[in-house]
């Protein structure tokens, strides 16, 4: 996954099914390219976001019977305004 992200070079990468070991490995391999990351590793929540630029806010919504878990970050960009991923 780290090689793919480095090769494709997205500004933001949203990952699903990321375990604690994978998250630690990605954080160790990607700190220069993706210094900003947020993850939800609570039971039933295994998602992460890696970004090149800092965000204004970050959070997660845990899964329910009807809705899967989500992680999100919010960017406040002076040119395009507030964007939530």
Protein backbone atom coordinates (compact mmCIF):
# COMPACT_ATOMS: atom_id res chain seq x y z
CA UNK A 1 0.00 0.00 0.00
CA UNK A 2 2.82 2.43 0.83
CA UNK A 3 4.46 1.87 -2.56
CA UNK A 4 1.12 2.42 -4.31
CA UNK A 5 0.53 5.71 -2.46
CA UNK A 6 4.04 6.93 -3.17
CA UNK A 7 3.73 6.01 -6.86
CA UNK A 8 0.23 7.44 -7.42
CA UNK A 9 0.87 10.48 -5.19
CA UNK A 10 -2.71 11.50 -4.26
CA UNK A 11 -3.19 14.55 -2.05
CA UNK A 12 -5.57 12.55 0.16
CA UNK A 13 -5.92 8.78 0.62
CA UNK A 14 -8.88 7.22 2.43
CA UNK A 15 -8.30 3.60 3.44
CA UNK A 16 -10.68 0.93 4.68
CA UNK A 17 -9.91 -2.30 6.54
CA UNK A 18 -6.68 -0.91 8.04
CA UNK A 19 -5.50 -2.86 11.06
CA UNK A 20 -3.29 -1.49 13.81
CA UNK A 21 -0.16 -3.16 12.41
CA UNK A 22 -0.78 -1.83 8.90
CA UNK A 23 -1.45 1.64 10.27
CA UNK A 24 1.82 1.66 12.22
CA UNK A 25 3.72 0.49 9.13
CA UNK A 26 2.14 3.12 6.89
CA UNK A 27 2.84 5.87 9.41
CA UNK A 28 6.48 4.76 9.56
CA UNK A 29 6.85 4.59 5.76
CA UNK A 30 4.95 7.75 4.76
CA UNK A 31 5.78 10.58 7.20
CA UNK A 32 7.47 12.80 4.64
CA UNK A 33 4.82 12.49 1.94
CA UNK A 34 1.75 12.21 4.20
CA UNK A 35 2.57 13.90 7.51
CA UNK A 36 -1.11 14.19 8.47
CA UNK A 37 -3.11 11.07 9.24
CA UNK A 38 -6.19 10.18 11.21
CA UNK A 39 -7.43 6.69 12.01
CA UNK A 40 -10.27 4.97 13.78
CA UNK A 41 -9.24 1.66 15.25
CA UNK A 42 -12.02 1.10 17.77
CA UNK A 43 -13.83 -2.24 17.55
CA UNK A 44 -15.80 -2.24 14.32
CA UNK A 45 -13.88 0.73 12.92
CA UNK A 46 -10.76 0.18 10.79
CA UNK A 47 -10.40 3.20 8.52
CA UNK A 48 -7.73 5.85 8.02
CA UNK A 49 -7.04 9.04 6.10
CA UNK A 50 -3.58 10.17 5.01
CA UNK A 51 -3.10 13.71 3.69
CA UNK A 52 -0.33 15.96 2.49
CA UNK A 53 -1.89 19.08 4.02
CA UNK A 54 -3.15 19.78 7.53
CA UNK A 55 -6.86 19.84 8.28
CA UNK A 56 -8.98 21.99 10.54
CA UNK A 57 -10.90 19.11 12.15
CA UNK A 58 -11.01 15.32 12.15
CA UNK A 59 -13.29 12.68 13.58
CA UNK A 60 -15.04 9.38 13.14
CA UNK A 61 -18.52 7.97 13.22
CA UNK A 62 -18.76 4.45 14.57
CA UNK A 63 -20.73 1.73 12.82
CA UNK A 64 -24.30 0.97 13.69
CA UNK A 65 -26.56 -1.79 12.53
CA UNK A 66 -27.46 0.24 9.43
CA UNK A 67 -24.40 2.41 8.78
CA UNK A 68 -20.72 1.44 8.40
CA UNK A 69 -17.96 3.27 10.22
CA UNK A 70 -16.51 6.38 8.67
CA UNK A 71 -13.54 8.62 9.33
CA UNK A 72 -13.49 12.18 8.12
CA UNK A 73 -11.30 15.26 7.98
CA UNK A 74 -12.29 18.83 7.22
CA UNK A 75 -10.11 21.22 5.26
CA UNK A 76 -10.65 24.98 5.36
CA UNK A 77 -9.23 26.15 2.06
CA UNK A 78 -9.08 29.90 1.35
CA UNK A 79 -9.83 29.39 -2.35
CA UNK A 80 -12.62 26.79 -2.31
CA UNK A 81 -13.92 27.02 1.25
CA UNK A 82 -14.68 24.22 3.67
CA UNK A 83 -14.33 20.68 2.36
CA UNK A 84 -15.07 17.53 4.33
CA UNK A 85 -13.62 14.21 3.13
